[in-house]
Amino acid sequence: MLLLGLLPITTVQAAVDPTRPPSSLSTEAGQALPAQRWKLQSIRIGNGEARAVVNGVSVRVGQRIKGATVTSIKPGTLVLRQGGKRVQLHLGSSKMIKKNIRDSK
């Protein structure tokens, strides 16, 4: 009995993950997630084709990216359709728009 008194007393604590986001940011089942964040990085128009880079992925009209469909690519603007909603993205600078010289005649 005397030996039991000499053993250190420990308390059980739940392990805490320091990288876990605050509980205010977590979602419960059935709760909608925040809207997708889109970043239009560049647009290239030429040879009868328009391409854009969105979130690091090269896309054309009609292609899908992360559940959204590219519906339009024009100088400076790209339009997506996601879940029945229209999402319009704009380039931050017109310097990121490239046109082929042959198409500008």
PDB file of N, CA and C in Angstrom:
ATOM      1  N   MET A   1       0.810  -1.183   0.000  1.00  0.00           N
ATOM      2  CA  MET A   1       0.000   0.000   0.000  1.00  0.00           C
ATOM      3  C   MET A   1       0.857   1.252   0.000  1.00  0.00           C
ATOM      4  N   LEU A   2       1.910   1.188   0.728  1.00  0.00           N
ATOM      5  CA  LEU A   2       2.782   2.344   0.820  1.00  0.00           C
ATOM      6  C   LEU A   2       3.373   2.706  -0.535  1.00  0.00           C
ATOM      7  N   LEU A   3       3.641   1.730  -1.355  1.00  0.00           N
ATOM      8  CA  LEU A   3       4.197   1.978  -2.680  1.00  0.00           C
ATOM      9  C   LEU A   3       3.224   2.727  -3.575  1.00  0.00           C
ATOM     10  N   LEU A   4       1.956   2.472  -3.448  1.00  0.00           N
ATOM     11  CA  LEU A   4       0.964   3.165  -4.267  1.00  0.00           C
ATOM     12  C   LEU A   4       0.989   4.664  -4.005  1.00  0.00           C
ATOM     13  N   GLY A   5       1.257   5.054  -2.815  1.00  0.00           N
ATOM     14  CA  GLY A   5       1.316   6.463  -2.475  1.00  0.00           C
ATOM     15  C   GLY A   5       2.502   7.168  -3.098  1.00  0.00           C
ATOM     16  N   LEU A   6       3.537   6.428  -3.452  1.00  0.00           N
ATOM     17  CA  LEU A   6       4.728   7.016  -4.044  1.00  0.00           C
ATOM     18  C   LEU A   6       4.633   7.176  -5.563  1.00  0.00           C
ATOM     19  N   LEU A   7       3.683   6.497  -6.187  1.00  0.00           N
ATOM     20  CA  LEU A   7       3.529   6.607  -7.641  1.00  0.00           C
ATOM     21  C   LEU A   7       2.966   7.977  -8.002  1.00  0.00           C
ATOM     22  N   PRO A   8       3.502   8.584  -9.038  1.00  0.00           N
ATOM     23  CA  PRO A   8       2.978   9.902  -9.421  1.00  0.00           C
ATOM     24  C   PRO A   8       1.541   9.787  -9.927  1.00  0.00           C
ATOM     25  N   ILE A   9       0.775  10.771  -9.599  1.00  0.00           N
ATOM     26  CA  ILE A   9      -0.618  10.806 -10.039  1.00  0.00           C
ATOM     27  C   ILE A   9      -0.657  11.528 -11.382  1.00  0.00           C
ATOM     28  N   THR A  10      -1.255  10.875 -12.364  1.00  0.00           N
ATOM     29  CA  THR A  10      -1.367  11.490 -13.694  1.00  0.00           C
ATOM     30  C   THR A  10      -2.829  11.679 -14.034  1.00  0.00           C
ATOM     31  N   THR A  11      -3.090  12.688 -14.777  1.00  0.00           N
ATOM     32  CA  THR A  11      -4.451  12.923 -15.250  1.00  0.00           C
ATOM     33  C   THR A  11      -4.502  12.621 -16.737  1.00  0.00           C
ATOM     34  N   VAL A  12      -5.633  12.145 -17.148  1.00  0.00           N
ATOM     35  CA  VAL A  12      -5.814  11.817 -18.556  1.00  0.00           C
ATOM     36  C   VAL A  12      -6.380  13.046 -19.256  1.00  0.00           C
ATOM     37  N   GLN A  13      -5.666  13.489 -20.281  1.00  0.00           N
ATOM     38  CA  GLN A  13      -6.130  14.623 -21.067  1.00  0.00           C
ATOM     39  C   GLN A  13      -6.298  14.180 -22.507  1.00  0.00           C
ATOM     40  N   ALA A  14      -7.280  14.755 -23.173  1.00  0.00           N
ATOM     41  CA  ALA A  14      -7.469  14.459 -24.592  1.00  0.00           C
ATOM     42  C   ALA A  14      -6.321  15.087 -25.369  1.00  0.00           C
ATOM     43  N   ALA A  15      -5.791  14.340 -26.313  1.00  0.00           N
ATOM     44  CA  ALA A  15      -4.707  14.871 -27.145  1.00  0.00           C
ATOM     45  C   ALA A  15      -5.254  15.993 -28.020  1.00  0.00           C
ATOM     46  N   VAL A  16      -4.532  17.087 -28.075  1.00  0.00           N
ATOM     47  CA  VAL A  16      -4.947  18.239 -28.868  1.00  0.00           C
ATOM     48  C   VAL A  16      -4.037  18.346 -30.081  1.00  0.00           C
ATOM     49  N   ASP A  17      -4.642  18.425 -31.255  1.00  0.00           N
ATOM     50  CA  ASP A  17      -3.887  18.573 -32.500  1.00  0.00           C
ATOM     51  C   ASP A  17      -3.656  20.065 -32.740  1.00  0.00           C
ATOM     52  N   PRO A  18      -2.413  20.548 -32.653  1.00  0.00           N
ATOM     53  CA  PRO A  18      -2.158  21.983 -32.821  1.00  0.00           C
ATOM     54  C   PRO A  18      -2.419  22.484 -34.241  1.00  0.00           C
ATOM     55  N   THR A  19      -2.508  21.569 -35.217  1.00  0.00           N
ATOM     56  CA  THR A  19      -2.752  21.999 -36.602  1.00  0.00           C
ATOM     57  C   THR A  19      -4.233  21.986 -36.967  1.00  0.00           C
ATOM     58  N   ARG A  20      -5.072  21.536 -36.049  1.00  0.00           N
ATOM     59  CA  ARG A  20      -6.509  21.471 -36.321  1.00  0.00           C
ATOM     60  C   ARG A  20      -7.103  22.880 -36.318  1.00  0.00           C
ATOM     61  N   PRO A  21      -7.955  23.195 -37.319  1.00  0.00           N
ATOM     62  CA  PRO A  21      -8.563  24.525 -37.348  1.00  0.00           C
ATOM     63  C   PRO A  21      -9.524  24.708 -36.175  1.00  0.00           C
ATOM     64  N   PRO A  22      -9.775  25.956 -35.796  1.00  0.00           N
ATOM     65  CA  PRO A  22     -10.705  26.210 -34.698  1.00  0.00           C
ATOM     66  C   PRO A  22     -12.068  25.586 -34.990  1.00  0.00           C
ATOM     67  N   SER A  23     -12.779  25.207 -33.950  1.00  0.00           N
ATOM     68  CA  SER A  23     -14.074  24.552 -34.131  1.00  0.00           C
ATOM     69  C   SER A  23     -15.070  25.445 -34.863  1.00  0.00           C
ATOM     70  N   SER A  24     -14.882  26.749 -34.816  1.00  0.00           N
ATOM     71  CA  SER A  24     -15.792  27.660 -35.511  1.00  0.00           C
ATOM     72  C   SER A  24     -15.689  27.519 -37.023  1.00  0.00           C
ATOM     73  N   LEU A  25     -14.586  26.933 -37.521  1.00  0.00           N
ATOM     74  CA  LEU A  25     -14.411  26.764 -38.957  1.00  0.00           C
ATOM     75  C   LEU A  25     -14.843  25.389 -39.447  1.00  0.00           C
ATOM     76  N   SER A  26     -15.120  24.469 -38.546  1.00  0.00           N
ATOM     77  CA  SER A  26     -15.484  23.124 -38.982  1.00  0.00           C
ATOM     78  C   SER A  26     -16.933  23.096 -39.441  1.00  0.00           C
ATOM     79  N   THR A  27     -17.242  22.110 -40.289  1.00  0.00           N
ATOM     80  CA  THR A  27     -18.604  21.972 -40.791  1.00  0.00           C
ATOM     81  C   THR A  27     -19.179  20.656 -40.312  1.00  0.00           C
ATOM     82  N   GLU A  28     -20.475  20.655 -40.061  1.00  0.00           N
ATOM     83  CA  GLU A  28     -21.161  19.438 -39.663  1.00  0.00           C
ATOM     84  C   GLU A  28     -21.737  18.772 -40.898  1.00  0.00           C
ATOM     85  N   ALA A  29     -22.119  17.521 -40.758  1.00  0.00           N
ATOM     86  CA  ALA A  29     -22.706  16.795 -41.888  1.00  0.00           C
ATOM     87  C   ALA A  29     -23.936  17.542 -42.387  1.00  0.00           C
ATOM     88  N   GLY A  30     -24.034  17.692 -43.691  1.00  0.00           N
ATOM     89  CA  GLY A  30     -25.177  18.368 -44.288  1.00  0.00           C
ATOM     90  C   GLY A  30     -25.008  19.871 -44.405  1.00  0.00           C
ATOM     91  N   GLN A  31     -23.991  20.414 -43.775  1.00  0.00           N
ATOM     92  CA  GLN A  31     -23.758  21.853 -43.842  1.00  0.00           C
ATOM     93  C   GLN A  31     -22.940  22.162 -45.090  1.00  0.00           C
ATOM     94  N   ALA A  32     -23.312  23.208 -45.804  1.00  0.00           N
ATOM     95  CA  ALA A  32     -22.625  23.559 -47.051  1.00  0.00           C
ATOM     96  C   ALA A  32     -21.217  24.062 -46.772  1.00  0.00           C
ATOM     97  N   LEU A  33     -20.298  23.701 -47.644  1.00  0.00           N
ATOM     98  CA  LEU A  33     -18.927  24.193 -47.546  1.00  0.00           C
ATOM     99  C   LEU A  33     -18.847  25.584 -48.158  1.00  0.00           C
ATOM    100  N   PRO A  34     -17.846  26.375 -47.797  1.00  0.00           N
ATOM    101  CA  PRO A  34     -17.694  27.704 -48.392  1.00  0.00           C
ATOM    102  C   PRO A  34     -17.522  27.606 -49.903  1.00  0.00           C
ATOM    103  N   ALA A  35     -17.886  28.666 -50.600  1.00  0.00           N
ATOM    104  CA  ALA A  35     -17.771  28.699 -52.063  1.00  0.00           C
ATOM    105  C   ALA A  35     -16.323  28.478 -52.491  1.00  0.00           C
ATOM    106  N   GLN A  36     -16.186  27.803 -53.610  1.00  0.00           N
ATOM    107  CA  GLN A  36     -14.857  27.542 -54.189  1.00  0.00           C
ATOM    108  C   GLN A  36     -14.165  28.868 -54.468  1.00  0.00           C
ATOM    109  N   ARG A  37     -12.908  28.959 -54.150  1.00  0.00           N
ATOM    110  CA  ARG A  37     -12.136  30.161 -54.478  1.00  0.00           C
ATOM    111  C   ARG A  37     -11.444  29.926 -55.802  1.00  0.00           C
ATOM    112  N   TRP A  38     -11.728  30.772 -56.754  1.00  0.00           N
ATOM    113  CA  TRP A  38     -11.184  30.649 -58.099  1.00  0.00           C
ATOM    114  C   TRP A  38     -10.141  31.721 -58.321  1.00  0.00           C
ATOM    115  N   LYS A  39      -9.082  31.366 -59.061  1.00  0.00           N
ATOM    116  CA  LYS A  39      -8.066  32.347 -59.424  1.00  0.00           C
ATOM    117  C   LYS A  39      -7.789  32.221 -60.915  1.00  0.00           C
ATOM    118  N   LEU A  40      -8.177  33.244 -61.669  1.00  0.00           N
ATOM    119  CA  LEU A  40      -7.899  33.300 -63.103  1.00  0.00           C
ATOM    120  C   LEU A  40      -6.497  33.857 -63.259  1.00  0.00           C
ATOM    121  N   GLN A  41      -5.598  33.050 -63.830  1.00  0.00           N
ATOM    122  CA  GLN A  41      -4.194  33.433 -63.894  1.00  0.00           C
ATOM    123  C   GLN A  41      -3.766  33.951 -65.253  1.00  0.00           C
ATOM    124  N   SER A  42      -4.355  33.440 -66.327  1.00  0.00           N
ATOM    125  CA  SER A  42      -4.009  33.945 -67.658  1.00  0.00           C
ATOM    126  C   SER A  42      -5.063  33.525 -68.667  1.00  0.00           C
ATOM    127  N   ILE A  43      -5.075  34.253 -69.789  1.00  0.00           N
ATOM    128  CA  ILE A  43      -5.957  33.944 -70.919  1.00  0.00           C
ATOM    129  C   ILE A  43      -5.118  34.030 -72.178  1.00  0.00           C
ATOM    130  N   ARG A  44      -5.325  33.056 -73.061  1.00  0.00           N
ATOM    131  CA  ARG A  44      -4.636  33.067 -74.355  1.00  0.00           C
ATOM    132  C   ARG A  44      -5.687  32.838 -75.434  1.00  0.00           C
ATOM    133  N   ILE A  45      -5.756  33.770 -76.372  1.00  0.00           N
ATOM    134  CA  ILE A  45      -6.735  33.684 -77.450  1.00  0.00           C
ATOM    135  C   ILE A  45      -5.979  33.683 -78.767  1.00  0.00           C
ATOM    136  N   GLY A  46      -6.229  32.684 -79.613  1.00  0.00           N
ATOM    137  CA  GLY A  46      -5.552  32.629 -80.904  1.00  0.00           C
ATOM    138  C   GLY A  46      -5.850  31.360 -81.659  1.00  0.00           C
ATOM    139  N   ASN A  47      -5.648  31.421 -82.967  1.00  0.00           N
ATOM    140  CA  ASN A  47      -5.895  30.274 -83.842  1.00  0.00           C
ATOM    141  C   ASN A  47      -7.310  29.726 -83.675  1.00  0.00           C
ATOM    142  N   GLY A  48      -8.261  30.614 -83.469  1.00  0.00           N
ATOM    143  CA  GLY A  48      -9.649  30.194 -83.313  1.00  0.00           C
ATOM    144  C   GLY A  48      -9.956  29.494 -82.007  1.00  0.00           C
ATOM    145  N   GLU A  49      -9.047  29.568 -81.051  1.00  0.00           N
ATOM    146  CA  GLU A  49      -9.239  28.883 -79.776  1.00  0.00           C
ATOM    147  C   GLU A  49      -8.886  29.814 -78.619  1.00  0.00           C
ATOM    148  N   ALA A  50      -9.647  29.702 -77.555  1.00  0.00           N
ATOM    149  CA  ALA A  50      -9.356  30.467 -76.340  1.00  0.00           C
ATOM    150  C   ALA A  50      -9.043  29.480 -75.222  1.00  0.00           C
ATOM    151  N   ARG A  51      -7.975  29.749 -74.501  1.00  0.00           N
ATOM    152  CA  ARG A  51      -7.578  28.924 -73.355  1.00  0.00           C
ATOM    153  C   ARG A  51      -7.337  29.852 -72.170  1.00  0.00           C
ATOM    154  N   ALA A  52      -7.507  29.310 -70.994  1.00  0.00           N
ATOM    155  CA  ALA A  52      -7.252  30.078 -69.780  1.00  0.00           C
ATOM    156  C   ALA A  52      -6.607  29.160 -68.750  1.00  0.00           C
ATOM    157  N   VAL A  53      -5.925  29.762 -67.803  1.00  0.00           N
ATOM    158  CA  VAL A  53      -5.364  29.008 -66.687  1.00  0.00           C
ATOM    159  C   VAL A  53      -6.112  29.451 -65.430  1.00  0.00           C
ATOM    160  N   VAL A  54      -6.801  28.482 -64.813  1.00  0.00           N
ATOM    161  CA  VAL A  54      -7.581  28.727 -63.601  1.00  0.00           C
ATOM    162  C   VAL A  54      -7.045  27.800 -62.515  1.00  0.00           C
ATOM    163  N   ASN A  55      -6.636  28.364 -61.399  1.00  0.00           N
ATOM    164  CA  ASN A  55      -6.081  27.580 -60.286  1.00  0.00           C
ATOM    165  C   ASN A  55      -4.971  26.641 -60.762  1.00  0.00           C
ATOM    166  N   GLY A  56      -4.176  27.114 -61.730  1.00  0.00           N
ATOM    167  CA  GLY A  56      -3.048  26.331 -62.217  1.00  0.00           C
ATOM    168  C   GLY A  56      -3.386  25.289 -63.267  1.00  0.00           C
ATOM    169  N   VAL A  57      -4.646  25.227 -63.708  1.00  0.00           N
ATOM    170  CA  VAL A  57      -5.085  24.234 -64.685  1.00  0.00           C
ATOM    171  C   VAL A  57      -5.477  24.932 -65.981  1.00  0.00           C
ATOM    172  N   SER A  58      -4.943  24.454 -67.112  1.00  0.00           N
ATOM    173  CA  SER A  58      -5.283  25.007 -68.422  1.00  0.00           C
ATOM    174  C   SER A  58      -6.636  24.446 -68.866  1.00  0.00           C
ATOM    175  N   VAL A  59      -7.563  25.343 -69.249  1.00  0.00           N
ATOM    176  CA  VAL A  59      -8.916  24.923 -69.635  1.00  0.00           C
ATOM    177  C   VAL A  59      -9.376  25.626 -70.905  1.00  0.00           C
ATOM    178  N   ARG A  60     -10.361  25.002 -71.588  1.00  0.00           N
ATOM    179  CA  ARG A  60     -11.035  25.582 -72.754  1.00  0.00           C
ATOM    180  C   ARG A  60     -12.528  25.615 -72.458  1.00  0.00           C
ATOM    181  N   VAL A  61     -13.280  26.307 -73.304  1.00  0.00           N
ATOM    182  CA  VAL A  61     -14.734  26.351 -73.158  1.00  0.00           C
ATOM    183  C   VAL A  61     -15.272  24.922 -73.247  1.00  0.00           C
ATOM    184  N   GLY A  62     -16.172  24.585 -72.337  1.00  0.00           N
ATOM    185  CA  GLY A  62     -16.776  23.259 -72.300  1.00  0.00           C
ATOM    186  C   GLY A  62     -16.103  22.301 -71.338  1.00  0.00           C
ATOM    187  N   GLN A  63     -14.877  22.593 -70.944  1.00  0.00           N
ATOM    188  CA  GLN A  63     -14.175  21.711 -70.007  1.00  0.00           C
ATOM    189  C   GLN A  63     -14.643  21.974 -68.580  1.00  0.00           C
ATOM    190  N   ARG A  64     -14.462  20.952 -67.730  1.00  0.00           N
ATOM    191  CA  ARG A  64     -14.842  21.062 -66.324  1.00  0.00           C
ATOM    192  C   ARG A  64     -13.592  21.176 -65.451  1.00  0.00           C
ATOM    193  N   ILE A  65     -13.734  21.950 -64.383  1.00  0.00           N
ATOM    194  CA  ILE A  65     -12.671  22.088 -63.398  1.00  0.00           C
ATOM    195  C   ILE A  65     -13.324  22.168 -62.023  1.00  0.00           C
ATOM    196  N   LYS A  66     -12.978  21.229 -61.165  1.00  0.00           N
ATOM    197  CA  LYS A  66     -13.481  21.180 -59.784  1.00  0.00           C
ATOM    198  C   LYS A  66     -14.997  21.363 -59.705  1.00  0.00           C
ATOM    199  N   GLY A  67     -15.724  20.644 -60.537  1.00  0.00           N
ATOM    200  CA  GLY A  67     -17.180  20.668 -60.479  1.00  0.00           C
ATOM    201  C   GLY A  67     -17.844  21.813 -61.216  1.00  0.00           C
ATOM    202  N   ALA A  68     -17.077  22.658 -61.880  1.00  0.00           N
ATOM    203  CA  ALA A  68     -17.640  23.782 -62.638  1.00  0.00           C
ATOM    204  C   ALA A  68     -17.306  23.608 -64.113  1.00  0.00           C
ATOM    205  N   THR A  69     -18.170  24.145 -64.986  1.00  0.00           N
ATOM    206  CA  THR A  69     -17.955  24.077 -66.427  1.00  0.00           C
ATOM    207  C   THR A  69     -17.595  25.457 -66.951  1.00  0.00           C
ATOM    208  N   VAL A  70     -16.553  25.524 -67.782  1.00  0.00           N
ATOM    209  CA  VAL A  70     -16.152  26.787 -68.412  1.00  0.00           C
ATOM    210  C   VAL A  70     -17.149  27.066 -69.536  1.00  0.00           C
ATOM    211  N   THR A  71     -17.861  28.192 -69.453  1.00  0.00           N
ATOM    212  CA  THR A  71     -18.868  28.516 -70.470  1.00  0.00           C
ATOM    213  C   THR A  71     -18.418  29.598 -71.432  1.00  0.00           C
ATOM    214  N   SER A  72     -17.439  30.410 -71.035  1.00  0.00           N
ATOM    215  CA  SER A  72     -17.005  31.505 -71.905  1.00  0.00           C
ATOM    216  C   SER A  72     -15.606  31.965 -71.519  1.00  0.00           C
ATOM    217  N   ILE A  73     -14.789  32.240 -72.553  1.00  0.00           N
ATOM    218  CA  ILE A  73     -13.472  32.848 -72.338  1.00  0.00           C
ATOM    219  C   ILE A  73     -13.360  34.006 -73.312  1.00  0.00           C
ATOM    220  N   LYS A  74     -13.207  35.201 -72.775  1.00  0.00           N
ATOM    221  CA  LYS A  74     -13.049  36.417 -73.575  1.00  0.00           C
ATOM    222  C   LYS A  74     -11.863  37.192 -73.021  1.00  0.00           C
ATOM    223  N   PRO A  75     -11.353  38.165 -73.774  1.00  0.00           N
ATOM    224  CA  PRO A  75     -10.216  38.940 -73.257  1.00  0.00           C
ATOM    225  C   PRO A  75     -10.501  39.506 -71.858  1.00  0.00           C
ATOM    226  N   GLY A  76      -9.740  39.056 -70.892  1.00  0.00           N
ATOM    227  CA  GLY A  76      -9.851  39.562 -69.528  1.00  0.00           C
ATOM    228  C   GLY A  76     -10.892  38.899 -68.657  1.00  0.00           C
ATOM    229  N   THR A  77     -11.739  38.019 -69.223  1.00  0.00           N
ATOM    230  CA  THR A  77     -12.849  37.449 -68.459  1.00  0.00           C
ATOM    231  C   THR A  77     -13.077  35.976 -68.784  1.00  0.00           C
ATOM    232  N   LEU A  78     -13.384  35.205 -67.770  1.00  0.00           N
ATOM    233  CA  LEU A  78     -13.769  33.807 -67.931  1.00  0.00           C
ATOM    234  C   LEU A  78     -15.051  33.593 -67.134  1.00  0.00           C
ATOM    235  N   VAL A  79     -15.989  32.833 -67.704  1.00  0.00           N
ATOM    236  CA  VAL A  79     -17.256  32.558 -67.023  1.00  0.00           C
ATOM    237  C   VAL A  79     -17.370  31.057 -66.779  1.00  0.00           C
ATOM    238  N   LEU A  80     -17.738  30.713 -65.540  1.00  0.00           N
ATOM    239  CA  LEU A  80     -17.961  29.327 -65.128  1.00  0.00           C
ATOM    240  C   LEU A  80     -19.425  29.152 -64.754  1.00  0.00           C
ATOM    241  N   ARG A  81     -19.911  27.921 -64.863  1.00  0.00           N
ATOM    242  CA  ARG A  81     -21.241  27.570 -64.367  1.00  0.00           C
ATOM    243  C   ARG A  81     -21.022  26.491 -63.316  1.00  0.00           C
ATOM    244  N   GLN A  82     -21.430  26.786 -62.078  1.00  0.00           N
ATOM    245  CA  GLN A  82     -21.224  25.847 -60.977  1.00  0.00           C
ATOM    246  C   GLN A  82     -22.495  25.746 -60.153  1.00  0.00           C
ATOM    247  N   GLY A  83     -23.062  24.550 -60.114  1.00  0.00           N
ATOM    248  CA  GLY A  83     -24.270  24.338 -59.310  1.00  0.00           C
ATOM    249  C   GLY A  83     -25.406  25.257 -59.693  1.00  0.00           C
ATOM    250  N   GLY A  84     -25.566  25.525 -60.981  1.00  0.00           N
ATOM    251  CA  GLY A  84     -26.635  26.395 -61.445  1.00  0.00           C
ATOM    252  C   GLY A  84     -26.338  27.877 -61.288  1.00  0.00           C
ATOM    253  N   LYS A  85     -25.172  28.207 -60.774  1.00  0.00           N
ATOM    254  CA  LYS A  85     -24.798  29.616 -60.590  1.00  0.00           C
ATOM    255  C   LYS A  85     -23.718  30.007 -61.581  1.00  0.00           C
ATOM    256  N   ARG A  86     -23.760  31.254 -62.001  1.00  0.00           N
ATOM    257  CA  ARG A  86     -22.769  31.808 -62.928  1.00  0.00           C
ATOM    258  C   ARG A  86     -21.681  32.486 -62.111  1.00  0.00           C
ATOM    259  N   VAL A  87     -20.427  32.127 -62.397  1.00  0.00           N
ATOM    260  CA  VAL A  87     -19.283  32.721 -61.700  1.00  0.00           C
ATOM    261  C   VAL A  87     -18.402  33.384 -62.747  1.00  0.00           C
ATOM    262  N   GLN A  88     -18.197  34.686 -62.619  1.00  0.00           N
ATOM    263  CA  GLN A  88     -17.385  35.428 -63.582  1.00  0.00           C
ATOM    264  C   GLN A  88     -16.057  35.793 -62.935  1.00  0.00           C
ATOM    265  N   LEU A  89     -14.959  35.429 -63.622  1.00  0.00           N
ATOM    266  CA  LEU A  89     -13.617  35.720 -63.125  1.00  0.00           C
ATOM    267  C   LEU A  89     -12.966  36.760 -64.015  1.00  0.00           C
ATOM    268  N   HIS A  90     -12.181  37.644 -63.426  1.00  0.00           N
ATOM    269  CA  HIS A  90     -11.501  38.700 -64.179  1.00  0.00           C
ATOM    270  C   HIS A  90     -10.002  38.633 -63.910  1.00  0.00           C
ATOM    271  N   LEU A  91      -9.233  38.960 -64.933  1.00  0.00           N
ATOM    272  CA  LEU A  91      -7.785  39.060 -64.756  1.00  0.00           C
ATOM    273  C   LEU A  91      -7.460  40.346 -64.022  1.00  0.00           C
ATOM    274  N   GLY A  92      -6.427  40.290 -63.207  1.00  0.00           N
ATOM    275  CA  GLY A  92      -6.007  41.476 -62.486  1.00  0.00           C
ATOM    276  C   GLY A  92      -5.287  42.480 -63.364  1.00  0.00           C
ATOM    277  N   SER A  93      -4.703  42.013 -64.468  1.00  0.00           N
ATOM    278  CA  SER A  93      -3.932  42.885 -65.343  1.00  0.00           C
ATOM    279  C   SER A  93      -4.135  42.474 -66.790  1.00  0.00           C
ATOM    280  N   SER A  94      -4.317  43.433 -67.663  1.00  0.00           N
ATOM    281  CA  SER A  94      -4.502  43.126 -69.080  1.00  0.00           C
ATOM    282  C   SER A  94      -3.218  42.599 -69.711  1.00  0.00           C
ATOM    283  N   LYS A  95      -2.087  42.723 -69.010  1.00  0.00           N
ATOM    284  CA  LYS A  95      -0.814  42.216 -69.529  1.00  0.00           C
ATOM    285  C   LYS A  95      -0.807  40.694 -69.613  1.00  0.00           C
ATOM    286  N   MET A  96      -1.718  40.046 -68.905  1.00  0.00           N
ATOM    287  CA  MET A  96      -1.764  38.589 -68.900  1.00  0.00           C
ATOM    288  C   MET A  96      -2.566  38.032 -70.078  1.00  0.00           C
ATOM    289  N   ILE A  97      -3.112  38.884 -70.929  1.00  0.00           N
ATOM    290  CA  ILE A  97      -3.871  38.440 -72.097  1.00  0.00           C
ATOM    291  C   ILE A  97      -2.926  38.362 -73.276  1.00  0.00           C
ATOM    292  N   LYS A  98      -2.895  37.209 -73.941  1.00  0.00           N
ATOM    293  CA  LYS A  98      -2.022  37.045 -75.100  1.00  0.00           C
ATOM    294  C   LYS A  98      -2.867  36.735 -76.322  1.00  0.00           C
ATOM    295  N   LYS A  99      -2.545  37.397 -77.429  1.00  0.00           N
ATOM    296  CA  LYS A  99      -3.196  37.115 -78.704  1.00  0.00           C
ATOM    297  C   LYS A  99      -2.115  36.805 -79.714  1.00  0.00           C
ATOM    298  N   ASN A 100      -2.405  35.884 -80.608  1.00  0.00           N
ATOM    299  CA  ASN A 100      -1.467  35.592 -81.686  1.00  0.00           C
ATOM    300  C   ASN A 100      -1.464  36.747 -82.674  1.00  0.00           C
ATOM    301  N   ILE A 101      -0.301  37.070 -83.225  1.00  0.00           N
ATOM    302  CA  ILE A 101      -0.176  38.173 -84.181  1.00  0.00           C
ATOM    303  C   ILE A 101      -1.035  37.906 -85.408  1.00  0.00           C
ATOM    304  N   ARG A 102      -1.103  36.666 -85.866  1.00  0.00           N
ATOM    305  CA  ARG A 102      -1.900  36.328 -87.051  1.00  0.00           C
ATOM    306  C   ARG A 102      -3.371  36.643 -86.848  1.00  0.00           C
ATOM    307  N   ASP A 103      -3.877  36.514 -85.627  1.00  0.00           N
ATOM    308  CA  ASP A 103      -5.290  36.755 -85.360  1.00  0.00           C
ATOM    309  C   ASP A 103      -5.630  38.228 -85.210  1.00  0.00           C
ATOM    310  N   SER A 104      -4.651  39.077 -85.037  1.00  0.00           N
ATOM    311  CA  SER A 104      -4.928  40.495 -84.796  1.00  0.00           C
ATOM    312  C   SER A 104      -5.018  41.301 -86.079  1.00  0.00           C
ATOM    313  N   LYS A 105      -4.824  40.684 -87.240  1.00  0.00           N
ATOM    314  CA  LYS A 105      -4.886  41.408 -88.517  1.00  0.00           C
ATOM    315  C   LYS A 105      -6.298  41.710 -88.914  1.00  0.00           C
TER     316      LYS A 105
END
